[in-house]
């Protein structure tokens, strides 16, 4: 979508399916290359809850992830609301967790104005 609008912005998906917030925290600096200006972040509680991580630990890890990115002057865009909206619109795969291609397109379209 960005290229279609004439943008030379490069997008890298550094998400790892099934990761907990502690795993994300452990690799956030090594997975986000120097020079990164924006990170689209969407971290839900599901993986942590499935592995017995408390809500307090989840919140603390998310805050630390945000702090590490902020310390590098990386702008954070939270896509959680767009993802929840697509899920509520029924754009979920058969696992009832992950978005369909249509749902992902909807989220991407919603992010376009923020990513520029």
N, C-alpha and C. Protein backbone atom coordinates (compact mmCIF):
# COMPACT_ATOMS: atom_id res chain seq x y z
N UNK A 1 0.82 -1.20 0.00
CA UNK A 1 0.00 0.00 0.00
C UNK A 1 0.86 1.26 0.00
N UNK A 2 1.93 1.23 0.77
CA UNK A 2 2.83 2.39 0.81
C UNK A 2 3.48 2.62 -0.54
N UNK A 3 3.97 1.55 -1.16
CA UNK A 3 4.60 1.68 -2.47
C UNK A 3 3.61 2.18 -3.51
N UNK A 4 2.37 1.72 -3.43
CA UNK A 4 1.35 2.18 -4.37
C UNK A 4 1.11 3.68 -4.24
N UNK A 5 1.36 4.23 -3.07
CA UNK A 5 1.21 5.67 -2.83
C UNK A 5 2.50 6.44 -3.12
N UNK A 6 3.53 5.71 -3.63
CA UNK A 6 4.79 6.37 -3.99
C UNK A 6 5.79 6.47 -2.87
N UNK A 7 5.57 5.79 -1.78
CA UNK A 7 6.50 5.84 -0.65
C UNK A 7 7.60 4.79 -0.81
N UNK A 8 8.81 5.17 -0.44
CA UNK A 8 9.93 4.24 -0.46
C UNK A 8 10.14 3.60 0.91
N UNK A 9 9.18 3.77 1.80
CA UNK A 9 9.26 3.21 3.14
C UNK A 9 9.43 1.70 3.08
N UNK A 10 10.33 1.19 3.89
CA UNK A 10 10.56 -0.25 3.97
C UNK A 10 9.90 -0.77 5.23
N UNK A 11 9.14 -1.85 5.11
CA UNK A 11 8.43 -2.43 6.25
C UNK A 11 9.01 -3.81 6.52
N UNK A 12 9.32 -4.07 7.77
CA UNK A 12 9.84 -5.37 8.19
C UNK A 12 8.91 -5.92 9.27
N UNK A 13 8.45 -7.13 9.09
CA UNK A 13 7.63 -7.78 10.12
C UNK A 13 8.57 -8.54 11.05
N UNK A 14 8.73 -8.03 12.26
CA UNK A 14 9.61 -8.68 13.24
C UNK A 14 8.82 -9.45 14.29
N UNK A 15 7.52 -9.60 14.06
CA UNK A 15 6.69 -10.34 15.00
C UNK A 15 6.96 -11.83 14.92
N UNK A 16 6.86 -12.49 16.05
CA UNK A 16 7.04 -13.95 16.12
C UNK A 16 5.79 -14.53 16.78
N UNK A 17 5.08 -15.34 16.03
CA UNK A 17 3.84 -15.92 16.52
C UNK A 17 4.08 -16.73 17.80
N UNK A 18 3.23 -16.51 18.78
CA UNK A 18 3.30 -17.28 20.01
C UNK A 18 4.22 -16.73 21.08
N UNK A 19 4.94 -15.66 20.78
CA UNK A 19 5.87 -15.12 21.77
C UNK A 19 5.17 -14.48 22.96
N UNK A 20 5.82 -14.57 24.10
CA UNK A 20 5.36 -13.87 25.29
C UNK A 20 6.00 -12.49 25.32
N UNK A 21 5.50 -11.64 26.20
CA UNK A 21 6.07 -10.30 26.31
C UNK A 21 7.52 -10.35 26.81
N UNK A 22 7.86 -11.31 27.64
CA UNK A 22 9.25 -11.40 28.10
C UNK A 22 10.17 -11.79 26.95
N UNK A 23 9.69 -12.61 26.02
CA UNK A 23 10.49 -12.96 24.85
C UNK A 23 10.66 -11.76 23.91
N UNK A 24 9.58 -11.01 23.75
CA UNK A 24 9.67 -9.80 22.92
C UNK A 24 10.65 -8.82 23.55
N UNK A 25 10.53 -8.62 24.86
CA UNK A 25 11.41 -7.71 25.57
C UNK A 25 12.87 -8.11 25.43
N UNK A 26 13.14 -9.40 25.48
CA UNK A 26 14.52 -9.88 25.39
C UNK A 26 15.16 -9.61 24.02
N UNK A 27 14.34 -9.48 22.99
CA UNK A 27 14.91 -9.31 21.65
C UNK A 27 14.56 -7.99 20.98
N UNK A 28 13.84 -7.12 21.67
CA UNK A 28 13.35 -5.92 21.01
C UNK A 28 14.48 -5.09 20.41
N UNK A 29 15.55 -4.88 21.11
CA UNK A 29 16.62 -4.05 20.57
C UNK A 29 17.36 -4.72 19.42
N UNK A 30 17.53 -6.03 19.48
CA UNK A 30 18.23 -6.71 18.39
C UNK A 30 17.33 -6.92 17.17
N UNK A 31 16.03 -6.92 17.36
CA UNK A 31 15.10 -7.15 16.24
C UNK A 31 14.65 -5.88 15.54
N UNK A 32 14.90 -4.75 16.15
CA UNK A 32 14.52 -3.47 15.56
C UNK A 32 15.82 -2.78 15.13
N UNK A 33 16.08 -2.77 13.81
CA UNK A 33 17.36 -2.25 13.32
C UNK A 33 17.59 -0.78 13.63
N UNK A 34 18.86 -0.41 13.73
CA UNK A 34 19.21 1.01 13.87
C UNK A 34 18.62 1.77 12.70
N UNK A 35 18.18 2.96 12.95
CA UNK A 35 17.59 3.78 11.91
C UNK A 35 16.08 3.62 11.79
N UNK A 36 15.52 2.68 12.53
CA UNK A 36 14.07 2.50 12.51
C UNK A 36 13.42 3.75 13.08
N UNK A 37 12.41 4.25 12.37
CA UNK A 37 11.72 5.46 12.83
C UNK A 37 10.38 5.16 13.46
N UNK A 38 9.73 4.08 13.02
CA UNK A 38 8.39 3.75 13.51
C UNK A 38 8.31 2.26 13.78
N UNK A 39 7.65 1.90 14.89
CA UNK A 39 7.31 0.50 15.16
C UNK A 39 5.80 0.43 15.35
N UNK A 40 5.19 -0.48 14.60
CA UNK A 40 3.77 -0.74 14.78
C UNK A 40 3.67 -1.87 15.79
N UNK A 41 3.08 -1.58 16.92
CA UNK A 41 3.07 -2.50 18.04
C UNK A 41 1.65 -2.95 18.34
N UNK A 42 1.50 -4.22 18.56
CA UNK A 42 0.22 -4.78 18.98
C UNK A 42 0.52 -6.01 19.82
N UNK A 43 0.41 -5.84 21.10
CA UNK A 43 0.74 -6.93 22.02
C UNK A 43 -0.49 -7.22 22.87
N UNK A 44 -1.03 -8.42 22.70
CA UNK A 44 -2.19 -8.83 23.47
C UNK A 44 -1.76 -9.77 24.59
N UNK A 45 -2.62 -10.02 25.51
CA UNK A 45 -2.35 -10.81 26.71
C UNK A 45 -2.37 -12.32 26.47
N UNK A 46 -2.94 -12.78 25.36
CA UNK A 46 -3.22 -14.20 25.15
C UNK A 46 -2.00 -15.10 25.34
N UNK A 47 -0.88 -14.81 24.70
CA UNK A 47 0.29 -15.69 24.82
C UNK A 47 0.82 -15.71 26.25
N UNK A 48 0.84 -14.55 26.89
CA UNK A 48 1.28 -14.51 28.28
C UNK A 48 0.33 -15.32 29.17
N UNK A 49 -0.95 -15.09 29.02
CA UNK A 49 -1.94 -15.80 29.85
C UNK A 49 -1.81 -17.31 29.66
N UNK A 50 -1.62 -17.76 28.42
CA UNK A 50 -1.48 -19.19 28.15
C UNK A 50 -0.24 -19.80 28.78
N UNK A 51 0.71 -18.96 29.15
CA UNK A 51 1.95 -19.46 29.76
C UNK A 51 2.07 -19.06 31.23
N UNK A 52 0.95 -18.63 31.81
CA UNK A 52 0.93 -18.35 33.24
C UNK A 52 1.53 -17.03 33.67
N UNK A 53 1.71 -16.11 32.73
CA UNK A 53 2.26 -14.79 33.08
C UNK A 53 1.14 -13.94 33.66
N UNK A 54 1.41 -13.32 34.77
CA UNK A 54 0.40 -12.50 35.44
C UNK A 54 0.11 -11.23 34.64
N UNK A 55 -1.09 -10.67 34.80
CA UNK A 55 -1.39 -9.40 34.15
C UNK A 55 -0.39 -8.29 34.52
N UNK A 56 0.05 -8.29 35.77
CA UNK A 56 1.01 -7.26 36.20
C UNK A 56 2.35 -7.42 35.48
N UNK A 57 2.81 -8.65 35.34
CA UNK A 57 4.07 -8.89 34.62
C UNK A 57 3.92 -8.54 33.15
N UNK A 58 2.76 -8.87 32.58
CA UNK A 58 2.47 -8.51 31.19
C UNK A 58 2.58 -7.00 31.01
N UNK A 59 1.89 -6.25 31.86
CA UNK A 59 1.90 -4.79 31.76
C UNK A 59 3.30 -4.22 31.94
N UNK A 60 4.05 -4.78 32.88
CA UNK A 60 5.42 -4.33 33.12
C UNK A 60 6.30 -4.57 31.90
N UNK A 61 6.15 -5.75 31.28
CA UNK A 61 6.95 -6.06 30.09
C UNK A 61 6.60 -5.13 28.94
N UNK A 62 5.31 -4.89 28.74
CA UNK A 62 4.89 -3.99 27.66
C UNK A 62 5.45 -2.59 27.91
N UNK A 63 5.40 -2.13 29.14
CA UNK A 63 5.94 -0.81 29.47
C UNK A 63 7.45 -0.77 29.20
N UNK A 64 8.15 -1.84 29.50
CA UNK A 64 9.60 -1.89 29.25
C UNK A 64 9.91 -1.92 27.76
N UNK A 65 9.10 -2.63 26.99
CA UNK A 65 9.27 -2.65 25.53
C UNK A 65 9.10 -1.24 24.98
N UNK A 66 8.04 -0.58 25.43
CA UNK A 66 7.79 0.79 24.98
C UNK A 66 8.92 1.73 25.41
N UNK A 67 9.42 1.54 26.62
CA UNK A 67 10.51 2.39 27.12
C UNK A 67 11.76 2.21 26.28
N UNK A 68 12.10 0.96 25.95
CA UNK A 68 13.31 0.71 25.15
C UNK A 68 13.19 1.35 23.77
N UNK A 69 12.03 1.24 23.16
CA UNK A 69 11.84 1.86 21.85
C UNK A 69 11.87 3.37 21.96
N UNK A 70 11.20 3.90 22.99
CA UNK A 70 11.19 5.35 23.20
C UNK A 70 12.58 5.91 23.45
N UNK A 71 13.40 5.17 24.17
CA UNK A 71 14.77 5.61 24.45
C UNK A 71 15.58 5.74 23.16
N UNK A 72 15.16 5.02 22.13
CA UNK A 72 15.83 5.09 20.82
C UNK A 72 15.12 6.09 19.90
N UNK A 73 14.18 6.84 20.45
CA UNK A 73 13.43 7.86 19.71
C UNK A 73 12.65 7.24 18.54
N UNK A 74 12.11 6.04 18.76
CA UNK A 74 11.30 5.36 17.77
C UNK A 74 9.84 5.63 18.11
N UNK A 75 9.11 6.11 17.13
CA UNK A 75 7.69 6.39 17.32
C UNK A 75 6.93 5.06 17.33
N UNK A 76 6.03 4.90 18.28
CA UNK A 76 5.25 3.69 18.41
C UNK A 76 3.82 3.97 17.97
N UNK A 77 3.34 3.13 17.07
CA UNK A 77 1.94 3.19 16.65
C UNK A 77 1.28 1.92 17.17
N UNK A 78 0.26 2.07 17.97
CA UNK A 78 -0.44 0.92 18.54
C UNK A 78 -1.58 0.52 17.60
N UNK A 79 -1.47 -0.68 17.04
CA UNK A 79 -2.46 -1.18 16.09
C UNK A 79 -3.55 -2.02 16.75
N UNK A 80 -3.51 -2.13 18.06
CA UNK A 80 -4.43 -3.01 18.77
C UNK A 80 -5.89 -2.69 18.49
N UNK A 81 -6.24 -1.42 18.50
CA UNK A 81 -7.64 -1.04 18.26
C UNK A 81 -8.11 -1.44 16.88
N UNK A 82 -7.26 -1.27 15.88
CA UNK A 82 -7.63 -1.67 14.52
C UNK A 82 -7.79 -3.18 14.41
N UNK A 83 -6.94 -3.92 15.10
CA UNK A 83 -7.01 -5.38 15.07
C UNK A 83 -8.29 -5.84 15.76
N UNK A 84 -8.59 -5.26 16.90
CA UNK A 84 -9.81 -5.63 17.63
C UNK A 84 -11.03 -5.32 16.77
N UNK A 85 -11.02 -4.17 16.10
CA UNK A 85 -12.14 -3.80 15.25
C UNK A 85 -12.35 -4.80 14.11
N UNK A 86 -11.26 -5.22 13.47
CA UNK A 86 -11.36 -6.21 12.39
C UNK A 86 -11.86 -7.54 12.93
N UNK A 87 -11.38 -7.92 14.11
CA UNK A 87 -11.82 -9.18 14.72
C UNK A 87 -13.32 -9.13 15.04
N UNK A 88 -13.76 -8.02 15.59
CA UNK A 88 -15.19 -7.87 15.92
C UNK A 88 -16.06 -7.87 14.67
N UNK A 89 -15.46 -7.48 13.52
CA UNK A 89 -16.19 -7.49 12.26
C UNK A 89 -16.21 -8.88 11.63
N UNK A 90 -15.63 -9.86 12.35
CA UNK A 90 -15.67 -11.24 11.88
C UNK A 90 -14.54 -11.63 10.95
N UNK A 91 -13.51 -10.81 10.86
CA UNK A 91 -12.40 -11.07 9.95
C UNK A 91 -11.32 -11.93 10.59
N UNK A 92 -11.75 -13.07 11.12
CA UNK A 92 -10.83 -13.99 11.80
C UNK A 92 -10.73 -15.30 11.03
N UNK A 93 -9.53 -15.88 11.10
CA UNK A 93 -9.32 -17.20 10.53
C UNK A 93 -10.08 -18.23 11.37
N UNK A 94 -10.05 -19.47 10.93
CA UNK A 94 -10.80 -20.53 11.62
C UNK A 94 -10.32 -20.77 13.05
N UNK A 95 -9.08 -20.33 13.38
CA UNK A 95 -8.59 -20.49 14.76
C UNK A 95 -9.25 -19.49 15.71
N UNK A 96 -10.00 -18.53 15.16
CA UNK A 96 -10.68 -17.49 15.92
C UNK A 96 -9.73 -16.58 16.71
N UNK A 97 -8.46 -16.58 16.29
CA UNK A 97 -7.46 -15.74 16.94
C UNK A 97 -6.83 -14.77 15.94
N UNK A 98 -6.38 -15.28 14.81
CA UNK A 98 -5.63 -14.49 13.85
C UNK A 98 -6.54 -13.94 12.76
N UNK A 99 -6.17 -12.75 12.27
CA UNK A 99 -6.96 -12.10 11.23
C UNK A 99 -6.82 -12.81 9.88
N UNK A 100 -7.86 -12.70 9.09
CA UNK A 100 -7.82 -13.16 7.70
C UNK A 100 -7.01 -12.15 6.88
N UNK A 101 -6.76 -12.50 5.62
CA UNK A 101 -6.08 -11.56 4.72
C UNK A 101 -6.89 -10.26 4.61
N UNK A 102 -8.21 -10.39 4.52
CA UNK A 102 -9.07 -9.21 4.47
C UNK A 102 -8.93 -8.36 5.73
N UNK A 103 -8.87 -9.02 6.89
CA UNK A 103 -8.69 -8.30 8.14
C UNK A 103 -7.35 -7.58 8.20
N UNK A 104 -6.31 -8.25 7.73
CA UNK A 104 -4.99 -7.61 7.70
C UNK A 104 -4.96 -6.43 6.74
N UNK A 105 -5.63 -6.53 5.60
CA UNK A 105 -5.71 -5.40 4.67
C UNK A 105 -6.44 -4.23 5.33
N UNK A 106 -7.49 -4.54 6.07
CA UNK A 106 -8.25 -3.48 6.76
C UNK A 106 -7.36 -2.77 7.79
N UNK A 107 -6.59 -3.53 8.55
CA UNK A 107 -5.68 -2.95 9.54
C UNK A 107 -4.63 -2.09 8.82
N UNK A 108 -4.04 -2.63 7.76
CA UNK A 108 -3.01 -1.89 7.01
C UNK A 108 -3.57 -0.58 6.47
N UNK A 109 -4.77 -0.64 5.91
CA UNK A 109 -5.40 0.58 5.39
C UNK A 109 -5.61 1.59 6.52
N UNK A 110 -5.99 1.12 7.69
CA UNK A 110 -6.18 2.00 8.82
C UNK A 110 -4.90 2.62 9.34
N UNK A 111 -3.78 1.95 9.09
CA UNK A 111 -2.49 2.44 9.56
C UNK A 111 -1.83 3.43 8.57
N UNK A 112 -2.31 3.44 7.36
CA UNK A 112 -1.66 4.24 6.30
C UNK A 112 -1.41 5.69 6.70
N UNK A 113 -2.38 6.35 7.25
CA UNK A 113 -2.22 7.77 7.58
C UNK A 113 -1.19 7.97 8.69
N UNK A 114 -1.03 7.00 9.57
CA UNK A 114 -0.12 7.14 10.70
C UNK A 114 1.33 6.80 10.36
N UNK A 115 1.52 6.00 9.33
CA UNK A 115 2.85 5.48 9.02
C UNK A 115 3.70 6.48 8.24
N UNK A 116 3.11 7.36 7.54
CA UNK A 116 3.87 8.29 6.69
C UNK A 116 4.81 9.17 7.44
